[in-house]
Amino acid sequence: MLETATAQRLPVRFAGEGAGTEELTWGQRAAWGSMLINGEADWAGGTMPLRDGQTVAELAALLAAVMGRHQSLRTRFRLDEAGQPRQSLSAEGEVCLEVVEAGDRDPETVAEAVRERLETAPFDPAEDWSVRWAVVCRDGVASWFVALYTHLVLDGYGIEALTADLSDATAADAEVPGVPPFEQARRQRAATARRQQAASLRHWEQHLRTIAPERFPSVEAPAEPRWWDVSYDSPATYLALHEVAARTKVHSGTVLLAAYAVALARVSGDPRTVLRTLVSNRFRPGFREAVAPVAQSALCVIDVTGQTFDEVVATAFQSQMSAGLHAYYDPRELWAMIERVGAERGAAIDVSSYFSDRRRSFATYPDDLAVSPEDVARALGRGRLTWGRRSDTPDTTCFLLVNPVPDTIDLTIRADTHRLTPDDMAGCLRAMEEIIVAAAFPDASA
């Protein structure tokens, strides 16, 4: 833990166009609902080294500029008289840039400790800004940078949009890209958005009426605390995945989704795996460059019955494509529909299993990468399983994260041990490696 004396809070004033209150956007409302369930905000961001010559003063000026340019970053969330959340946009204010002196410690290590501390610090959405920046210095020279944003104001693709805009952030006359949250909320009340929502809800309801309400049997002696994390780093999957994706002509994330579907079917005993995937919605007009949360979850149903793995990949691709077109809706109406259909079927319907590929640019393979069966076989011994946090904070049934780590496939499962045992969780990750490795060179001799 860092000594508090090593950190200073530098006040940064900002000002920008626009002020007032408005309904939440659908993306904001999804993040708000998640925060209420988990009891804490979800943060996105990370750490990065700074280029030589960047100063604390320059980073403070950049923070003031981005806060002023982007309405989402100047937005807080307050309850109205009816107890409903509203987005509250400020025209001006003050945010703090934390400056930490590393001393004789490694700045990268210090930056990671700062990130963890900022991510777990208390957050009041009505009073606090959803932006936490810090600079780690060595002997007064800026060395590492920490930036975090709650999902109330940015999703992962929104961070990419913000990063792309940083080169223009200090140009006062540069046009701000994308549709800001106030305008999004207004568009989502219009007839076009309501028609898109109706189509999305029909897609969900068709599946909700046919899937098994509960796919995982109860565990007789569940572990404590209830929710566990386990990660598996697999260089062999990285190499084998390149071959399977090239042969099946799909994105490598689709292959991982297919392998996850097969592995979960083995655990649950139900050949129809039901997963929520995250859809960026950036293909919608004005959303590609929006510095705002616009991603929402879509429902994929992948039936692996009697299929080869290549056929499961094709099924996963079709399910992804259909789901991606039906991930634009008011979460309140979806939540009500899930409850209504469950009541009509006489059983609550569990749709809280997720798949999220967070690799972005790390999903791209080198053009000259050549992989042989021998390469994959040698890499098999380098897989590494690591147990992570354990918590009683309410969470999903199971959530697979594909982490942004270069030159490997790094997977994390967070699961409810009342539904999947720790052995099930570890077995699922190892099964994904086994499935993809076996599919990489189907004609190779054993």
Protein backbone atom coordinates (compact mmCIF):
# COMPACT_ATOMS: atom_id res chain seq x y z
CA MET A 1 0.00 0.00 0.00
CA LEU A 2 1.33 3.43 -0.88
CA GLU A 3 2.19 5.91 1.86
CA THR A 4 -0.36 8.71 1.84
CA ALA A 5 2.44 11.25 2.17
CA THR A 6 3.71 10.36 -1.31
CA ALA A 7 0.47 11.48 -3.02
CA GLN A 8 -0.74 15.01 -3.71
CA ARG A 9 -4.08 16.07 -5.16
CA LEU A 10 -3.68 18.81 -7.75
CA PRO A 11 -6.98 20.69 -8.37
CA VAL A 12 -7.81 21.10 -12.07
CA ARG A 13 -10.51 23.56 -13.18
CA PHE A 14 -12.50 22.86 -16.33
CA ALA A 15 -15.34 24.41 -18.31
CA GLY A 16 -17.36 23.31 -21.34
CA GLU A 17 -20.58 23.78 -23.25
CA GLY A 18 -23.90 22.50 -22.00
CA ALA A 19 -25.58 22.05 -18.62
CA GLY A 20 -28.81 20.63 -17.22
CA THR A 21 -30.50 17.32 -16.44
CA GLU A 22 -31.87 14.59 -18.67
CA GLU A 23 -33.03 10.97 -18.54
CA LEU A 24 -30.36 8.29 -18.57
CA THR A 25 -29.36 6.83 -21.90
CA TRP A 26 -29.86 3.11 -22.36
CA GLY A 27 -26.12 2.52 -21.96
CA GLN A 28 -26.01 4.58 -18.76
CA ARG A 29 -29.06 2.78 -17.39
CA ALA A 30 -27.42 -0.62 -17.97
CA ALA A 31 -24.35 0.56 -16.03
CA TRP A 32 -26.58 2.00 -13.29
CA GLY A 33 -28.41 -1.31 -12.93
CA SER A 34 -25.11 -3.19 -12.68
CA MET A 35 -23.91 -0.77 -10.00
CA LEU A 36 -27.07 -1.31 -7.95
CA ILE A 37 -26.72 -5.10 -8.15
CA ASN A 38 -23.01 -5.17 -7.30
CA GLY A 39 -23.13 -2.36 -4.77
CA GLU A 40 -20.17 -0.64 -6.43
CA ALA A 41 -19.24 1.10 -9.66
CA ASP A 42 -17.52 -0.74 -12.49
CA TRP A 43 -14.36 1.04 -13.65
CA ALA A 44 -12.53 0.83 -16.96
CA GLY A 45 -9.05 2.05 -17.82
CA GLY A 46 -5.52 1.20 -16.76
CA THR A 47 -1.91 2.33 -16.66
CA MET A 48 0.63 3.28 -19.31
CA PRO A 49 4.17 4.67 -19.47
CA LEU A 50 4.56 8.33 -20.37
CA ARG A 51 6.82 9.50 -23.15
CA ASP A 52 9.95 11.36 -22.16
CA GLY A 53 9.39 15.03 -21.61
CA GLN A 54 5.72 14.97 -20.60
CA THR A 55 5.16 17.05 -17.49
CA VAL A 56 2.58 17.08 -14.72
CA ALA A 57 1.50 20.54 -15.86
CA GLU A 58 0.89 19.27 -19.40
CA LEU A 59 -1.20 16.35 -18.10
CA ALA A 60 -3.21 18.71 -15.89
CA ALA A 61 -3.92 20.88 -18.95
CA LEU A 62 -4.94 17.79 -20.92
CA LEU A 63 -7.30 16.71 -18.14
CA ALA A 64 -8.93 20.16 -18.13
CA ALA A 65 -9.28 20.01 -21.91
CA VAL A 66 -10.89 16.56 -22.11
CA MET A 67 -13.26 17.36 -19.26
CA GLY A 68 -14.32 20.51 -21.05
CA ARG A 69 -14.70 18.86 -24.46
CA HIS A 70 -16.69 15.78 -23.50
CA GLN A 71 -20.05 16.16 -21.80
CA SER A 72 -20.04 12.55 -20.64
CA LEU A 73 -17.03 13.25 -18.39
CA ARG A 74 -18.79 16.29 -16.86
CA THR A 75 -21.86 14.23 -15.98
CA ARG A 76 -22.93 13.06 -12.55
CA PHE A 77 -25.99 11.02 -11.59
CA ARG A 78 -28.62 12.17 -9.11
CA LEU A 79 -32.01 10.89 -8.04
CA ASP A 80 -35.06 13.03 -8.81
CA GLU A 81 -38.04 13.54 -6.51
CA ALA A 82 -39.49 10.21 -7.65
CA GLY A 83 -36.25 8.40 -6.79
CA GLN A 84 -35.28 7.89 -10.44
CA PRO A 85 -31.70 8.51 -11.62
CA ARG A 86 -31.06 11.45 -13.93
CA GLN A 87 -27.86 12.51 -15.66
CA SER A 88 -26.72 15.93 -14.47
CA LEU A 89 -24.36 17.84 -16.75
CA SER A 90 -22.19 20.65 -15.34
CA ALA A 91 -20.79 23.50 -17.42
CA GLU A 92 -17.80 23.87 -15.11
CA GLY A 93 -16.18 22.35 -12.09
CA GLU A 94 -13.02 21.03 -10.52
CA VAL A 95 -11.46 17.58 -10.68
CA CYS A 96 -8.25 16.38 -9.05
CA LEU A 97 -5.13 15.03 -10.70
CA GLU A 98 -3.29 12.84 -8.22
CA VAL A 99 0.50 13.13 -8.31
CA VAL A 100 2.44 10.30 -6.68
CA GLU A 101 6.19 10.27 -6.09
CA ALA A 102 7.59 6.75 -6.50
CA GLY A 103 10.89 7.49 -4.76
CA ASP A 104 13.10 4.42 -4.97
CA ARG A 105 10.18 2.15 -5.97
CA ASP A 106 9.51 0.92 -9.49
CA PRO A 107 7.12 3.47 -11.10
CA GLU A 108 5.23 0.78 -13.01
CA THR A 109 4.57 -1.16 -9.80
CA VAL A 110 3.51 2.02 -8.04
CA ALA A 111 1.17 2.90 -10.93
CA GLU A 112 -0.54 -0.48 -10.64
CA ALA A 113 -0.96 0.01 -6.88
CA VAL A 114 -2.43 3.47 -7.50
CA ARG A 115 -4.83 2.01 -10.09
CA GLU A 116 -6.03 -0.62 -7.63
CA ARG A 117 -6.51 1.96 -4.88
CA LEU A 118 -8.42 4.39 -7.10
CA GLU A 119 -10.59 1.59 -8.47
CA THR A 120 -11.65 0.42 -5.01
CA ALA A 121 -12.04 3.86 -3.39
CA PRO A 122 -15.62 4.87 -2.45
CA PHE A 123 -17.64 6.44 -5.25
CA ASP A 124 -20.71 8.68 -4.93
CA PRO A 125 -22.30 9.06 -8.38
CA ALA A 126 -24.19 12.20 -7.26
CA GLU A 127 -21.13 14.10 -6.07
CA ASP A 128 -18.02 12.48 -7.56
CA TRP A 129 -16.77 12.77 -11.12
CA SER A 130 -16.45 9.45 -12.93
CA VAL A 131 -12.87 10.32 -13.92
CA ARG A 132 -9.80 9.45 -11.85
CA TRP A 133 -6.39 10.39 -13.23
CA ALA A 134 -3.00 10.03 -11.55
CA VAL A 135 0.62 10.62 -12.52
CA VAL A 136 3.48 8.62 -11.00
CA CYS A 137 6.78 10.51 -10.87
CA ARG A 138 10.33 9.52 -10.13
CA ASP A 139 12.39 12.35 -8.67
CA GLY A 140 9.75 14.79 -9.83
CA VAL A 141 9.74 13.56 -13.45
CA ALA A 142 6.44 12.16 -14.77
CA SER A 143 6.92 8.47 -15.56
CA TRP A 144 3.61 6.54 -15.53
CA PHE A 145 -0.02 7.50 -16.05
CA VAL A 146 -3.19 6.06 -14.51
CA ALA A 147 -6.65 6.74 -15.96
CA LEU A 148 -9.96 5.27 -14.79
CA TYR A 149 -13.57 5.97 -15.80
CA THR A 150 -16.80 4.44 -14.51
CA HIS A 151 -19.00 2.59 -16.99
CA LEU A 152 -21.62 5.25 -16.25
CA VAL A 153 -19.71 7.60 -18.57
CA LEU A 154 -17.54 5.36 -20.77
CA ASP A 155 -17.44 1.80 -22.03
CA GLY A 156 -14.33 0.10 -23.42
CA TYR A 157 -14.91 1.40 -26.93
CA GLY A 158 -15.61 4.83 -25.49
CA ILE A 159 -12.13 4.85 -24.00
CA GLU A 160 -10.76 4.10 -27.47
CA ALA A 161 -12.81 7.01 -28.84
CA LEU A 162 -11.46 9.28 -26.10
CA THR A 163 -7.89 8.18 -26.80
CA ALA A 164 -8.36 8.84 -30.52
CA ASP A 165 -9.65 12.32 -29.67
CA LEU A 166 -6.81 13.25 -27.33
CA SER A 167 -4.72 14.67 -30.18
CA ASP A 168 -7.49 17.23 -30.77
CA ALA A 169 -8.38 17.78 -27.13
CA THR A 170 -6.25 20.91 -26.73
CA ALA A 171 -7.61 22.52 -29.91
CA ALA A 172 -10.47 24.71 -28.73
CA ASP A 173 -12.03 24.91 -32.19
CA ALA A 174 -11.87 21.17 -32.97
CA GLU A 175 -15.30 19.62 -33.41
CA VAL A 176 -16.28 17.21 -30.64
CA PRO A 177 -16.93 13.79 -32.26
CA GLY A 178 -19.91 11.53 -31.74
CA VAL A 179 -23.36 11.92 -30.20
CA PRO A 180 -23.20 13.14 -26.56
CA PRO A 181 -25.37 11.52 -23.87
CA PHE A 182 -28.05 14.23 -23.74
CA GLU A 183 -28.68 13.88 -27.46
CA GLN A 184 -28.60 10.08 -27.18
CA ALA A 185 -31.34 10.18 -24.54
CA ARG A 186 -33.49 12.35 -26.78
CA ARG A 187 -32.95 10.09 -29.79
CA GLN A 188 -33.90 7.05 -27.74
CA ARG A 189 -37.33 8.55 -27.14
CA ALA A 190 -37.91 8.90 -30.89
CA ALA A 191 -39.90 6.48 -33.05
CA THR A 192 -36.85 5.05 -34.86
CA ALA A 193 -35.17 3.96 -31.63
CA ARG A 194 -38.42 2.56 -30.27
CA ARG A 195 -38.82 0.38 -33.37
CA GLN A 196 -35.24 -0.88 -32.96
CA GLN A 197 -35.95 -1.64 -29.32
CA ALA A 198 -39.12 -3.55 -30.21
CA ALA A 199 -37.14 -5.76 -32.59
CA SER A 200 -34.49 -6.36 -29.92
CA LEU A 201 -37.06 -7.35 -27.31
CA ARG A 202 -38.76 -9.74 -29.74
CA HIS A 203 -35.40 -11.46 -30.29
CA TRP A 204 -34.90 -11.84 -26.54
CA GLU A 205 -38.44 -13.06 -25.91
CA GLN A 206 -38.25 -15.76 -28.59
CA HIS A 207 -35.25 -17.27 -26.77
CA LEU A 208 -36.62 -16.67 -23.26
CA ARG A 209 -39.66 -18.82 -24.07
CA THR A 210 -37.62 -21.81 -25.29
CA ILE A 211 -34.41 -22.02 -23.24
CA ALA A 212 -34.23 -23.96 -19.98
CA PRO A 213 -34.83 -21.46 -17.15
CA GLU A 214 -31.87 -22.86 -15.20
CA ARG A 215 -29.06 -24.71 -16.96
CA PHE A 216 -26.69 -25.42 -14.08
CA PRO A 217 -27.69 -27.87 -11.34
CA SER A 218 -27.27 -26.71 -7.77
CA VAL A 219 -23.95 -27.60 -6.13
CA GLU A 220 -24.43 -29.78 -3.04
CA ALA A 221 -21.58 -28.25 -1.03
CA PRO A 222 -20.86 -24.79 -2.50
CA ALA A 223 -17.60 -23.06 -1.70
CA GLU A 224 -17.33 -19.93 0.40
CA PRO A 225 -17.17 -17.05 -0.26
CA ARG A 226 -19.74 -17.54 -3.01
CA TRP A 227 -18.13 -15.96 -6.10
CA TRP A 228 -14.63 -17.02 -7.21
CA ASP A 229 -12.24 -15.93 -9.96
CA VAL A 230 -9.79 -18.18 -11.76
CA SER A 231 -7.53 -17.28 -14.69
CA TYR A 232 -5.72 -19.43 -17.23
CA ASP A 233 -2.90 -18.16 -19.40
CA SER A 234 -2.50 -20.39 -22.47
CA PRO A 235 0.21 -19.79 -25.10
CA ALA A 236 -0.93 -23.01 -26.81
CA THR A 237 -4.45 -21.64 -27.28
CA TYR A 238 -2.96 -18.48 -28.80
CA LEU A 239 -1.12 -20.46 -31.47
CA ALA A 240 -3.91 -22.97 -32.13
CA LEU A 241 -6.53 -20.22 -32.28
CA HIS A 242 -4.71 -18.60 -35.19
CA GLU A 243 -5.08 -21.78 -37.23
CA VAL A 244 -8.75 -22.40 -36.39
CA ALA A 245 -9.77 -18.80 -37.10
CA ALA A 246 -7.92 -18.84 -40.45
CA ARG A 247 -9.55 -22.10 -41.52
CA THR A 248 -13.07 -21.18 -40.45
CA LYS A 249 -12.69 -17.59 -41.71
CA VAL A 250 -14.07 -15.91 -38.59
CA HIS A 251 -12.67 -13.59 -35.93
CA SER A 252 -10.70 -15.44 -33.27
CA GLY A 253 -13.19 -14.19 -30.65
CA THR A 254 -15.91 -16.25 -32.32
CA VAL A 255 -13.76 -19.37 -31.98
CA LEU A 256 -13.27 -18.64 -28.28
CA LEU A 257 -17.03 -18.13 -27.89
CA ALA A 258 -17.67 -21.49 -29.57
CA ALA A 259 -15.15 -23.27 -27.33
CA TYR A 260 -16.69 -21.66 -24.25
CA ALA A 261 -20.14 -22.83 -25.37
CA VAL A 262 -18.91 -26.41 -25.72
CA ALA A 263 -17.11 -26.31 -22.35
CA LEU A 264 -20.17 -24.92 -20.53
CA ALA A 265 -22.41 -27.52 -22.18
CA ARG A 266 -20.17 -30.21 -20.71
CA VAL A 267 -20.48 -28.68 -17.23
CA SER A 268 -24.21 -27.98 -17.34
CA GLY A 269 -25.34 -31.05 -19.26
CA ASP A 270 -27.49 -28.76 -21.43
CA PRO A 271 -26.36 -28.68 -25.08
CA ARG A 272 -27.92 -25.22 -25.53
CA THR A 273 -25.50 -22.71 -24.04
CA VAL A 274 -27.06 -19.31 -23.32
CA LEU A 275 -24.65 -16.38 -23.11
CA ARG A 276 -24.86 -12.63 -23.04
CA THR A 277 -22.20 -11.00 -25.19
CA LEU A 278 -21.34 -7.31 -25.16
CA VAL A 279 -22.13 -5.42 -28.37
CA SER A 280 -20.43 -2.07 -28.97
CA ASN A 281 -23.39 -0.54 -30.89
CA ARG A 282 -20.73 1.65 -32.56
CA PHE A 283 -22.16 0.82 -35.99
CA ARG A 284 -25.20 2.97 -35.20
CA PRO A 285 -25.23 6.54 -36.64
CA GLY A 286 -23.16 8.95 -34.58
CA PHE A 287 -22.02 6.31 -32.09
CA ARG A 288 -18.67 5.24 -33.57
CA GLU A 289 -16.75 8.17 -32.04
CA ALA A 290 -19.05 8.81 -29.07
CA VAL A 291 -17.19 9.34 -25.80
CA ALA A 292 -20.02 7.71 -23.87
CA PRO A 293 -21.33 4.27 -22.84
CA VAL A 294 -23.31 2.78 -25.72
CA ALA A 295 -22.42 -0.93 -25.43
CA GLN A 296 -25.22 -3.26 -24.33
CA SER A 297 -25.58 -6.99 -23.87
CA ALA A 298 -27.03 -9.30 -26.51
CA LEU A 299 -28.34 -12.84 -26.10
CA CYS A 300 -26.58 -15.70 -27.89
CA VAL A 301 -28.00 -19.23 -27.86
CA ILE A 302 -25.59 -21.82 -29.21
CA ASP A 303 -26.76 -25.42 -29.59
CA VAL A 304 -23.78 -27.78 -29.82
CA THR A 305 -25.82 -30.97 -30.28
CA GLY A 306 -24.22 -33.40 -32.75
CA GLN A 307 -21.89 -30.82 -34.29
CA THR A 308 -18.21 -30.86 -35.12
CA PHE A 309 -16.29 -27.97 -33.63
CA ASP A 310 -16.10 -26.19 -36.98
CA GLU A 311 -19.90 -26.44 -37.14
CA VAL A 312 -20.18 -25.02 -33.63
CA VAL A 313 -17.99 -22.11 -34.74
CA ALA A 314 -20.38 -21.45 -37.64
CA THR A 315 -23.36 -21.64 -35.25
CA ALA A 316 -21.65 -19.24 -32.84
CA PHE A 317 -20.97 -16.81 -35.69
CA GLN A 318 -24.60 -16.80 -36.79
CA SER A 319 -25.78 -16.37 -33.21
CA GLN A 320 -23.36 -13.48 -32.69
CA MET A 321 -24.52 -11.74 -35.85
CA SER A 322 -28.18 -12.02 -34.90
CA ALA A 323 -27.56 -10.99 -31.31
CA GLY A 324 -25.49 -8.00 -32.39
CA LEU A 325 -28.43 -6.55 -34.29
CA HIS A 326 -30.64 -6.87 -31.20
CA ALA A 327 -28.62 -5.14 -28.48
CA TYR A 328 -30.26 -1.71 -28.48
CA TYR A 329 -33.05 -1.35 -25.93
CA ASP A 330 -34.16 0.28 -22.69
CA PRO A 331 -32.83 -2.10 -19.99
CA ARG A 332 -35.86 -1.42 -17.80
CA GLU A 333 -38.15 -2.92 -20.42
CA LEU A 334 -35.87 -5.93 -20.84
CA TRP A 335 -35.72 -6.55 -17.09
CA ALA A 336 -39.53 -6.34 -16.87
CA MET A 337 -39.93 -8.75 -19.78
CA ILE A 338 -37.53 -11.31 -18.29
CA GLU A 339 -39.53 -11.22 -15.06
CA ARG A 340 -42.88 -11.41 -16.89
CA VAL A 341 -41.89 -14.37 -19.10
CA GLY A 342 -40.43 -16.15 -16.09
CA ALA A 343 -43.69 -15.71 -14.19
CA GLU A 344 -45.64 -17.05 -17.17
CA ARG A 345 -43.35 -20.08 -17.38
CA GLY A 346 -43.46 -20.64 -13.64
CA ALA A 347 -39.69 -20.30 -13.08
CA ALA A 348 -37.20 -17.46 -12.93
CA ILE A 349 -35.04 -17.44 -16.06
CA ASP A 350 -31.28 -17.24 -15.57
CA VAL A 351 -29.63 -15.17 -18.31
CA SER A 352 -26.63 -14.06 -16.28
CA SER A 353 -23.84 -15.96 -18.03
CA TYR A 354 -21.55 -13.67 -20.02
CA PHE A 355 -18.74 -13.68 -22.57
CA SER A 356 -16.58 -10.59 -23.12
CA ASP A 357 -13.58 -10.41 -25.45
CA ARG A 358 -11.58 -7.39 -24.25
CA ARG A 359 -8.48 -7.91 -26.43
CA ARG A 360 -9.22 -5.20 -29.06
CA SER A 361 -5.87 -4.74 -30.87
CA PHE A 362 -4.35 -7.73 -29.07
CA ALA A 363 -6.68 -9.97 -31.09
CA THR A 364 -4.64 -9.20 -34.26
CA TYR A 365 -1.99 -11.74 -35.23
CA PRO A 366 1.29 -10.89 -37.00
CA ASP A 367 0.97 -11.27 -40.77
CA ASP A 368 3.98 -13.57 -40.92
CA LEU A 369 2.95 -15.88 -38.08
CA ALA A 370 3.39 -19.54 -39.07
CA VAL A 371 2.26 -22.23 -36.65
CA SER A 372 3.05 -25.94 -36.75
CA PRO A 373 1.64 -28.82 -34.67
CA GLU A 374 5.02 -29.02 -32.96
CA ASP A 375 4.81 -25.37 -31.93
CA VAL A 376 1.45 -25.96 -30.30
CA ALA A 377 2.64 -29.16 -28.59
CA ARG A 378 5.64 -27.35 -27.09
CA ALA A 379 3.43 -24.52 -25.84
CA LEU A 380 1.02 -26.88 -24.07
CA GLY A 381 3.30 -27.23 -21.07
CA ARG A 382 3.38 -23.47 -20.48
CA GLY A 383 -0.28 -23.02 -19.49
CA ARG A 384 -0.67 -21.40 -16.07
CA LEU A 385 -3.74 -21.49 -13.81
CA THR A 386 -4.09 -18.75 -11.17
CA TRP A 387 -6.81 -18.36 -8.56
CA GLY A 388 -8.00 -14.81 -7.97
CA ARG A 389 -10.37 -12.94 -5.69
CA ARG A 390 -13.20 -14.52 -3.73
CA SER A 391 -16.19 -12.47 -2.66
CA ASP A 392 -19.75 -12.53 -1.41
CA THR A 393 -20.61 -9.46 -3.47
CA PRO A 394 -23.54 -10.51 -5.73
CA ASP A 395 -22.38 -11.23 -9.26
CA THR A 396 -23.22 -13.24 -12.38
CA THR A 397 -23.70 -16.98 -12.74
CA CYS A 398 -20.51 -17.13 -14.80
CA PHE A 399 -18.58 -14.51 -16.74
CA LEU A 400 -15.72 -15.31 -19.09
CA LEU A 401 -13.29 -12.46 -19.79
CA VAL A 402 -10.73 -12.68 -22.58
CA ASN A 403 -8.05 -10.38 -21.22
CA PRO A 404 -5.94 -7.95 -23.30
CA VAL A 405 -2.58 -9.70 -22.92
CA PRO A 406 -0.18 -9.90 -25.90
CA ASP A 407 1.09 -13.16 -27.45
CA THR A 408 -1.10 -15.47 -25.39
CA ILE A 409 -4.74 -16.17 -24.59
CA ASP A 410 -5.42 -15.09 -21.03
CA LEU A 411 -8.87 -16.08 -19.74
CA THR A 412 -10.66 -15.33 -16.48
CA ILE A 413 -13.86 -16.96 -15.26
CA ARG A 414 -15.81 -15.38 -12.42
CA ALA A 415 -18.53 -17.77 -11.30
CA ASP A 416 -21.15 -18.49 -8.68
CA THR A 417 -19.90 -21.54 -6.78
CA HIS A 418 -23.52 -22.45 -6.01
CA ARG A 419 -23.77 -23.28 -9.75
CA LEU A 420 -20.20 -24.12 -10.83
CA THR A 421 -17.68 -25.66 -8.47
CA PRO A 422 -14.09 -24.39 -8.51
CA ASP A 423 -13.18 -27.64 -10.30
CA ASP A 424 -15.85 -26.87 -12.91
CA MET A 425 -14.38 -23.41 -13.42
CA ALA A 426 -10.80 -24.61 -13.86
CA GLY A 427 -11.98 -27.51 -15.99
CA CYS A 428 -13.89 -25.16 -18.28
CA LEU A 429 -10.76 -23.09 -18.97
CA ARG A 430 -8.61 -26.15 -19.60
CA ALA A 431 -11.35 -27.63 -21.80
CA MET A 432 -11.30 -24.53 -24.00
CA GLU A 433 -7.57 -25.05 -24.56
CA GLU A 434 -8.10 -28.74 -25.29
CA ILE A 435 -10.94 -28.05 -27.76
CA ILE A 436 -9.10 -25.37 -29.72
CA VAL A 437 -5.79 -27.25 -29.80
CA ALA A 438 -7.55 -30.39 -31.07
CA ALA A 439 -9.29 -28.33 -33.78
CA ALA A 440 -6.13 -26.59 -34.98
CA PHE A 441 -4.67 -29.46 -36.99
CA PRO A 442 -7.48 -32.01 -37.39
CA ASP A 443 -5.56 -34.01 -40.02
CA ALA A 444 -2.28 -34.19 -38.10
CA SER A 445 -1.28 -37.59 -36.80
CA ALA A 446 -1.43 -38.11 -33.05
